[in-house]
C-alpha atoms as a PDB file:
ATOM      1  CA  PRO A   1     -76.204  83.416 -22.384  1.00  0.00           C
ATOM      2  CA  THR A   2     -79.635  82.637 -23.800  1.00  0.00           C
ATOM      3  CA  ALA A   3     -79.785  79.104 -22.347  1.00  0.00           C
ATOM      4  CA  ARG A   4     -82.872  78.240 -20.314  1.00  0.00           C
ATOM      5  CA  ILE A   5     -81.650  76.913 -16.966  1.00  0.00           C
ATOM      6  CA  ALA A   6     -83.491  74.964 -14.262  1.00  0.00           C
ATOM      7  CA  ARG A   7     -82.463  73.645 -10.831  1.00  0.00           C
ATOM      8  CA  MET A   8     -83.333  70.281  -9.324  1.00  0.00           C
ATOM      9  CA  ASP A   9     -82.402  69.921  -5.661  1.00  0.00           C
ATOM     10  CA  ARG A  10     -84.065  69.614  -2.260  1.00  0.00           C
ATOM     11  CA  ASP A  11     -85.004  73.298  -2.184  1.00  0.00           C
ATOM     12  CA  THR A  12     -86.584  73.494  -5.633  1.00  0.00           C
ATOM     13  CA  THR A  13     -88.527  70.224  -5.313  1.00  0.00           C
ATOM     14  CA  ARG A  14     -89.974  70.832  -1.852  1.00  0.00           C
ATOM     15  CA  GLY A  15     -93.361  72.052  -3.059  1.00  0.00           C
ATOM     16  CA  LYS A  16     -96.133  69.715  -4.150  1.00  0.00           C
ATOM     17  CA  GLY A  17     -95.726  68.747  -7.799  1.00  0.00           C
ATOM     18  CA  SER A  18     -92.564  70.844  -8.225  1.00  0.00           C
ATOM     19  CA  HIS A  19     -90.355  67.854  -9.036  1.00  0.00           C
ATOM     20  CA  GLN A  20     -92.702  66.649 -11.768  1.00  0.00           C
ATOM     21  CA  GLN A  21     -92.916  70.155 -13.217  1.00  0.00           C
ATOM     22  CA  ILE A  22     -89.148  70.234 -13.719  1.00  0.00           C
ATOM     23  CA  VAL A  23     -89.176  66.781 -15.310  1.00  0.00           C
ATOM     24  CA  THR A  24     -92.016  67.793 -17.616  1.00  0.00           C
ATOM     25  CA  ARG A  25     -90.207  70.940 -18.737  1.00  0.00           C
ATOM     26  CA  MET A  26     -87.131  68.841 -19.528  1.00  0.00           C
ATOM     27  CA  MET A  27     -89.164  66.320 -21.508  1.00  0.00           C
ATOM     28  CA  GLU A  28     -90.866  69.123 -23.436  1.00  0.00           C
ATOM     29  CA  GLU A  29     -87.430  70.630 -24.233  1.00  0.00           C
ATOM     30  CA  LYS A  30     -88.247  73.860 -22.407  1.00  0.00           C
ATOM     31  CA  VAL A  31     -84.970  73.585 -20.425  1.00  0.00           C
ATOM     32  CA  ASP A  32     -81.522  73.655 -22.017  1.00  0.00           C
ATOM     33  CA  ILE A  33     -79.383  73.138 -18.882  1.00  0.00           C
ATOM     34  CA  LEU A  34     -80.459  71.320 -15.736  1.00  0.00           C
ATOM     35  CA  VAL A  35     -78.291  71.976 -12.666  1.00  0.00           C
ATOM     36  CA  GLY A  36     -78.758  70.001  -9.480  1.00  0.00           C
ATOM     37  CA  THR A  37     -77.701  67.503  -6.873  1.00  0.00           C
ATOM     38  CA  GLN A  38     -77.460  63.711  -7.014  1.00  0.00           C
ATOM     39  CA  MET A  39     -81.211  63.396  -7.523  1.00  0.00           C
ATOM     40  CA  ILE A  40     -80.697  64.332 -11.183  1.00  0.00           C
ATOM     41  CA  ALA A  41     -78.900  61.041 -11.761  1.00  0.00           C
ATOM     42  CA  LYS A  42     -81.496  58.721 -10.325  1.00  0.00           C
ATOM     43  CA  GLY A  43     -84.338  57.300 -12.322  1.00  0.00           C
ATOM     44  CA  HIS A  44     -84.730  59.981 -14.973  1.00  0.00           C
ATOM     45  CA  ASP A  45     -84.747  59.355 -18.709  1.00  0.00           C
ATOM     46  CA  PHE A  46     -84.246  62.525 -20.716  1.00  0.00           C
ATOM     47  CA  PRO A  47     -83.842  61.147 -24.252  1.00  0.00           C
ATOM     48  CA  LYS A  48     -82.144  64.148 -25.864  1.00  0.00           C
ATOM     49  CA  VAL A  49     -79.484  64.872 -23.233  1.00  0.00           C
ATOM     50  CA  ALA A  50     -76.125  64.887 -25.011  1.00  0.00           C
ATOM     51  CA  LEU A  51     -73.801  66.349 -22.360  1.00  0.00           C
ATOM     52  CA  VAL A  52     -73.378  65.642 -18.637  1.00  0.00           C
ATOM     53  CA  GLY A  53     -70.936  67.345 -16.260  1.00  0.00           C
ATOM     54  CA  VAL A  54     -70.096  66.221 -12.722  1.00  0.00           C
ATOM     55  CA  LEU A  55     -68.496  68.855 -10.485  1.00  0.00           C
ATOM     56  CA  GLY A  56     -66.409  67.876  -7.462  1.00  0.00           C
ATOM     57  CA  ALA A  57     -66.607  64.089  -7.736  1.00  0.00           C
ATOM     58  CA  ASP A  58     -63.952  63.938  -4.978  1.00  0.00           C
ATOM     59  CA  SER A  59     -66.459  65.140  -2.370  1.00  0.00           C
ATOM     60  CA  LEU A  60     -68.090  61.707  -2.506  1.00  0.00           C
ATOM     61  CA  LEU A  61     -64.894  59.756  -3.135  1.00  0.00           C
ATOM     62  CA  ASN A  62     -63.194  61.186  -0.032  1.00  0.00           C
ATOM     63  CA  LEU A  63     -65.984  60.514   2.461  1.00  0.00           C
ATOM     64  CA  PRO A  64     -64.800  58.536   5.537  1.00  0.00           C
ATOM     65  CA  ASP A  65     -66.719  55.408   4.590  1.00  0.00           C
ATOM     66  CA  PHE A  66     -65.337  52.134   3.278  1.00  0.00           C
ATOM     67  CA  ARG A  67     -68.037  52.226   0.574  1.00  0.00           C
ATOM     68  CA  SER A  68     -67.022  55.661  -0.755  1.00  0.00           C
ATOM     69  CA  ALA A  69     -65.394  54.266  -3.908  1.00  0.00           C
ATOM     70  CA  GLU A  70     -68.395  52.020  -4.530  1.00  0.00           C
ATOM     71  CA  ARG A  71     -70.838  54.906  -4.078  1.00  0.00           C
ATOM     72  CA  THR A  72     -68.775  57.131  -6.367  1.00  0.00           C
ATOM     73  CA  PHE A  73     -68.635  54.453  -9.050  1.00  0.00           C
ATOM     74  CA  ALA A  74     -72.386  53.786  -8.790  1.00  0.00           C
ATOM     75  CA  LEU A  75     -73.368  57.452  -8.950  1.00  0.00           C
ATOM     76  CA  LEU A  76     -71.036  58.316 -11.824  1.00  0.00           C
ATOM     77  CA  THR A  77     -72.204  55.264 -13.753  1.00  0.00           C
ATOM     78  CA  GLN A  78     -75.787  56.401 -13.234  1.00  0.00           C
ATOM     79  CA  VAL A  79     -75.184  59.996 -14.195  1.00  0.00           C
ATOM     80  CA  ALA A  80     -73.079  59.027 -17.220  1.00  0.00           C
ATOM     81  CA  GLY A  81     -76.046  56.993 -18.375  1.00  0.00           C
ATOM     82  CA  ARG A  82     -78.062  60.204 -18.684  1.00  0.00           C
ATOM     83  CA  ALA A  83     -75.945  61.169 -21.715  1.00  0.00           C
ATOM     84  CA  GLY A  84     -75.586  59.329 -24.980  1.00  0.00           C
ATOM     85  CA  ARG A  85     -79.274  58.681 -25.496  1.00  0.00           C
ATOM     86  CA  ALA A  86     -79.518  61.399 -28.110  1.00  0.00           C
ATOM     87  CA  ALA A  87     -79.202  60.401 -31.753  1.00  0.00           C
ATOM     88  CA  GLY A  88     -75.705  61.868 -32.028  1.00  0.00           C
ATOM     89  CA  GLY A  89     -74.316  60.184 -28.897  1.00  0.00           C
ATOM     90  CA  GLY A  90     -73.088  62.083 -25.871  1.00  0.00           C
ATOM     91  CA  LYS A  91     -70.193  63.143 -23.671  1.00  0.00           C
ATOM     92  CA  VAL A  92     -69.556  63.110 -19.931  1.00  0.00           C
ATOM     93  CA  PHE A  93     -67.076  65.362 -18.104  1.00  0.00           C
ATOM     94  CA  ILE A  94     -66.030  64.543 -14.537  1.00  0.00           C
ATOM     95  CA  GLN A  95     -64.116  67.078 -12.424  1.00  0.00           C
ATOM     96  CA  SER A  96     -61.631  65.467 -10.022  1.00  0.00           C
ATOM     97  CA  TYR A  97     -58.223  65.917  -8.413  1.00  0.00           C
ATOM     98  CA  HIS A  98     -57.764  62.128  -8.779  1.00  0.00           C
ATOM     99  CA  PRO A  99     -58.647  61.374 -12.400  1.00  0.00           C
ATOM    100  CA  GLY A 100     -56.686  58.118 -12.276  1.00  0.00           C
ATOM    101  CA  HIS A 101     -58.684  56.634  -9.383  1.00  0.00           C
ATOM    102  CA  PHE A 102     -60.172  53.307 -10.457  1.00  0.00           C
ATOM    103  CA  ALA A 103     -63.671  54.307  -9.305  1.00  0.00           C
ATOM    104  CA  LEU A 104     -63.619  57.111 -11.870  1.00  0.00           C
ATOM    105  CA  THR A 105     -61.883  55.265 -14.694  1.00  0.00           C
ATOM    106  CA  CYS A 106     -64.169  52.249 -14.315  1.00  0.00           C
ATOM    107  CA  ALA A 107     -67.235  54.487 -14.242  1.00  0.00           C
ATOM    108  CA  ALA A 108     -66.047  56.262 -17.370  1.00  0.00           C
ATOM    109  CA  ALA A 109     -65.678  52.899 -19.073  1.00  0.00           C
ATOM    110  CA  GLN A 110     -68.931  51.545 -17.539  1.00  0.00           C
ATOM    111  CA  ASP A 111     -66.839  48.554 -16.456  1.00  0.00           C
ATOM    112  CA  TYR A 112     -68.516  46.875 -13.467  1.00  0.00           C
ATOM    113  CA  ALA A 113     -66.309  43.779 -13.543  1.00  0.00           C
ATOM    114  CA  ASP A 114     -63.064  45.758 -13.425  1.00  0.00           C
ATOM    115  CA  PHE A 115     -64.313  47.880 -10.529  1.00  0.00           C
ATOM    116  CA  TYR A 116     -65.220  44.721  -8.607  1.00  0.00           C
ATOM    117  CA  GLN A 117     -61.809  43.179  -9.209  1.00  0.00           C
ATOM    118  CA  GLN A 118     -59.980  46.310  -8.020  1.00  0.00           C
ATOM    119  CA  GLU A 119     -62.192  47.075  -5.018  1.00  0.00           C
ATOM    120  CA  LEU A 120     -62.471  43.578  -3.551  1.00  0.00           C
ATOM    121  CA  PRO A 121     -58.810  43.264  -2.360  1.00  0.00           C
ATOM    122  CA  PHE A 122     -59.213  46.437  -0.247  1.00  0.00           C
ATOM    123  CA  ARG A 123     -62.331  44.990   1.383  1.00  0.00           C
ATOM    124  CA  ALA A 124     -60.655  41.629   1.975  1.00  0.00           C
ATOM    125  CA  GLU A 125     -57.529  43.156   3.512  1.00  0.00           C
ATOM    126  CA  LEU A 126     -59.525  44.900   6.255  1.00  0.00           C
ATOM    127  CA  ASN A 127     -62.405  42.394   6.513  1.00  0.00           C
ATOM    128  CA  TYR A 128     -65.036  44.849   5.342  1.00  0.00           C
ATOM    129  CA  PRO A 129     -68.218  43.587   3.628  1.00  0.00           C
ATOM    130  CA  PRO A 130     -68.595  41.395   1.687  1.00  0.00           C
ATOM    131  CA  CYS A 131     -65.499  39.854   3.321  1.00  0.00           C
ATOM    132  CA  GLY A 132     -66.680  40.496   6.880  1.00  0.00           C
ATOM    133  CA  HIS A 133     -69.600  41.699   8.977  1.00  0.00           C
ATOM    134  CA  LEU A 134     -70.206  44.967  10.835  1.00  0.00           C
ATOM    135  CA  VAL A 135     -72.306  46.424  13.615  1.00  0.00           C
ATOM    136  CA  ASN A 136     -72.245  50.179  14.197  1.00  0.00           C
ATOM    137  CA  LEU A 137     -73.056  51.467  17.685  1.00  0.00           C
ATOM    138  CA  VAL A 138     -73.972  55.166  17.650  1.00  0.00           C
ATOM    139  CA  PHE A 139     -74.146  57.086  20.948  1.00  0.00           C
ATOM    140  CA  SER A 140     -75.905  60.459  21.095  1.00  0.00           C
ATOM    141  CA  GLY A 141     -76.744  63.102  23.669  1.00  0.00           C
ATOM    142  CA  ASN A 142     -76.911  66.814  24.409  1.00  0.00           C
ATOM    143  CA  THR A 143     -73.422  67.088  25.974  1.00  0.00           C
ATOM    144  CA  ARG A 144     -70.323  66.170  23.980  1.00  0.00           C
ATOM    145  CA  ASP A 145     -68.180  65.206  26.988  1.00  0.00           C
ATOM    146  CA  GLN A 146     -70.892  63.039  28.481  1.00  0.00           C
ATOM    147  CA  VAL A 147     -71.438  61.165  25.217  1.00  0.00           C
ATOM    148  CA  ARG A 148     -67.690  60.664  24.705  1.00  0.00           C
ATOM    149  CA  THR A 149     -67.168  59.456  28.278  1.00  0.00           C
ATOM    150  CA  ALA A 150     -70.106  57.049  28.121  1.00  0.00           C
ATOM    151  CA  ALA A 151     -68.999  55.661  24.735  1.00  0.00           C
ATOM    152  CA  THR A 152     -65.412  55.227  25.949  1.00  0.00           C
ATOM    153  CA  ALA A 153     -66.488  53.292  29.047  1.00  0.00           C
ATOM    154  CA  PHE A 154     -68.890  51.219  26.949  1.00  0.00           C
ATOM    155  CA  GLY A 155     -66.097  50.382  24.491  1.00  0.00           C
ATOM    156  CA  GLN A 156     -63.695  49.362  27.235  1.00  0.00           C
ATOM    157  CA  ARG A 157     -66.225  46.939  28.664  1.00  0.00           C
ATOM    158  CA  LEU A 158     -66.889  45.505  25.199  1.00  0.00           C
ATOM    159  CA  VAL A 159     -63.182  44.910  24.540  1.00  0.00           C
ATOM    160  CA  ALA A 160     -62.978  42.785  27.684  1.00  0.00           C
ATOM    161  CA  GLN A 161     -65.560  40.349  26.303  1.00  0.00           C
ATOM    162  CA  ALA A 162     -65.185  40.812  22.536  1.00  0.00           C
ATOM    163  CA  GLY A 163     -63.349  37.573  21.783  1.00  0.00           C
ATOM    164  CA  ALA A 164     -62.897  37.325  18.003  1.00  0.00           C
ATOM    165  CA  VAL A 165     -64.752  40.606  17.397  1.00  0.00           C
ATOM    166  CA  GLU A 166     -62.651  43.672  16.635  1.00  0.00           C
ATOM    167  CA  VAL A 167     -63.805  46.784  18.522  1.00  0.00           C
ATOM    168  CA  LEU A 168     -62.948  50.068  16.792  1.00  0.00           C
ATOM    169  CA  GLY A 169     -63.469  53.373  18.569  1.00  0.00           C
ATOM    170  CA  PRO A 170     -65.164  55.227  19.994  1.00  0.00           C
ATOM    171  CA  SER A 171     -64.649  58.089  17.580  1.00  0.00           C
ATOM    172  CA  PRO A 172     -66.780  61.057  16.530  1.00  0.00           C
ATOM    173  CA  CYS A 173     -69.291  60.230  13.818  1.00  0.00           C
ATOM    174  CA  PRO A 174     -68.568  61.872  10.449  1.00  0.00           C
ATOM    175  CA  LEU A 175     -71.709  63.919  11.152  1.00  0.00           C
ATOM    176  CA  THR A 176     -70.600  64.712  14.691  1.00  0.00           C
ATOM    177  CA  ARG A 177     -73.680  66.756  15.520  1.00  0.00           C
ATOM    178  CA  LEU A 178     -77.072  65.912  14.101  1.00  0.00           C
ATOM    179  CA  ARG A 179     -80.397  67.493  15.077  1.00  0.00           C
ATOM    180  CA  GLY A 180     -78.725  69.123  18.062  1.00  0.00           C
ATOM    181  CA  LYS A 181     -77.237  65.856  19.394  1.00  0.00           C
ATOM    182  CA  PHE A 182     -73.518  65.075  19.714  1.00  0.00           C
ATOM    183  CA  ARG A 183     -72.671  61.656  18.284  1.00  0.00           C
ATOM    184  CA  TYR A 184     -69.900  59.072  18.764  1.00  0.00           C
ATOM    185  CA  GLN A 185     -69.646  55.604  17.296  1.00  0.00           C
ATOM    186  CA  ILE A 186     -68.076  52.219  17.996  1.00  0.00           C
ATOM    187  CA  LEU A 187     -67.658  49.792  15.116  1.00  0.00           C
ATOM    188  CA  LEU A 188     -67.760  46.052  15.738  1.00  0.00           C
ATOM    189  CA  LYS A 189     -66.153  43.956  13.026  1.00  0.00           C
ATOM    190  CA  SER A 190     -65.876  40.213  12.560  1.00  0.00           C
ATOM    191  CA  VAL A 191     -65.051  37.832   9.716  1.00  0.00           C
ATOM    192  CA  LEU A 192     -67.819  35.485  10.911  1.00  0.00           C
ATOM    193  CA  ARG A 193     -71.316  36.293  12.162  1.00  0.00           C
ATOM    194  CA  PRO A 194     -71.516  33.997  15.255  1.00  0.00           C
ATOM    195  CA  PRO A 195     -68.958  35.973  17.340  1.00  0.00           C
ATOM    196  CA  LEU A 196     -70.839  39.199  16.554  1.00  0.00           C
ATOM    197  CA  ARG A 197     -74.150  37.593  17.449  1.00  0.00           C
ATOM    198  CA  HIS A 198     -72.710  36.275  20.700  1.00  0.00           C
ATOM    199  CA  LEU A 199     -71.425  39.722  21.674  1.00  0.00           C
ATOM    200  CA  LEU A 200     -74.711  41.424  20.774  1.00  0.00           C
ATOM    201  CA  LEU A 201     -76.571  39.095  23.138  1.00  0.00           C
ATOM    202  CA  ARG A 202     -74.543  40.639  25.974  1.00  0.00           C
ATOM    203  CA  LEU A 203     -75.334  44.231  25.056  1.00  0.00           C
ATOM    204  CA  ASP A 204     -78.535  44.603  27.079  1.00  0.00           C
ATOM    205  CA  GLU A 205     -76.599  44.639  30.323  1.00  0.00           C
ATOM    206  CA  GLU A 206     -74.124  47.193  28.969  1.00  0.00           C
ATOM    207  CA  VAL A 207     -76.871  49.414  27.533  1.00  0.00           C
ATOM    208  CA  ALA A 208     -78.565  49.474  30.944  1.00  0.00           C
ATOM    209  CA  ARG A 209     -75.402  51.022  32.418  1.00  0.00           C
ATOM    210  CA  LEU A 210     -75.489  54.026  30.096  1.00  0.00           C
ATOM    211  CA  PRO A 211     -76.551  57.389  31.570  1.00  0.00           C
ATOM    212  CA  ARG A 212     -80.189  58.206  30.843  1.00  0.00           C
ATOM    213  CA  GLN A 213     -79.023  61.283  28.926  1.00  0.00           C
ATOM    214  CA  VAL A 214     -77.099  59.126  26.417  1.00  0.00           C
ATOM    215  CA  ALA A 215     -78.983  57.119  23.797  1.00  0.00           C
ATOM    216  CA  ILE A 216     -77.588  54.261  21.730  1.00  0.00           C
ATOM    217  CA  HIS A 217     -78.573  53.159  18.237  1.00  0.00           C
ATOM    218  CA  ILE A 218     -77.480  49.673  17.121  1.00  0.00           C
ATOM    219  CA  ASP A 219     -77.120  49.395  13.339  1.00  0.00           C
ATOM    220  CA  ILE A 220     -76.489  45.834  12.120  1.00  0.00           C
ATOM    221  CA  ASP A 221     -74.971  45.590   8.615  1.00  0.00           C
ATOM    222  CA  PRO A 222     -74.903  49.409   8.310  1.00  0.00           C
ATOM    223  CA  LEU A 223     -75.427  50.861   4.853  1.00  0.00           C
ATOM    224  CA  ASP A 224     -73.378  53.940   5.743  1.00  0.00           C
ATOM    225  CA  MET A 225     -71.096  55.120   8.543  1.00  0.00           C
ATOM    226  CA  PHE A 226     -72.638  58.545   9.168  1.00  0.00           C
END
């Protein structure tokens, strides 16, 4: 009950110098418990931290992105590294409904090689990077039906000339509405780059046929699917 608690998240670090103030208080041991978002895990070295807890690790693990396991492993490995720097060692507790998932067990063991060996077959089976190449086409506009209709017609025309490229979608983006715009996406997937490159060279003509109210964003080698 007497613990001194601080928060580190987007709201509490918005003001000028506020982030550094929290870090300084931690370094000066004026904070006993630091509660926050993922930003706590990244780039901070608090030498006397002996206990780390991760709540709801499944929220990242269950995201509709083929890199979700990789992101979960990377984040948990980072945050686990915050503990154990104290003289007496440290402990890490991870809350999950899937405690046996290899992303969690490998992170707990800090075992990069084992994670790689278990994750790679899933990527290879579906030709996801690094076993294939992707282009994400994101359509956006003010009217959901108009965006969906335009993306559907666009996808149908792509399929007719796709060749060795797999055309997936359109489907609503995981963040279906962003900054007031409705969003749909088409994913282009190929084991080799040349077929993708060949198809992309034909996109200008297809983009010109989109309604003016519908914008398209072409993301080559996307880092996320949102």
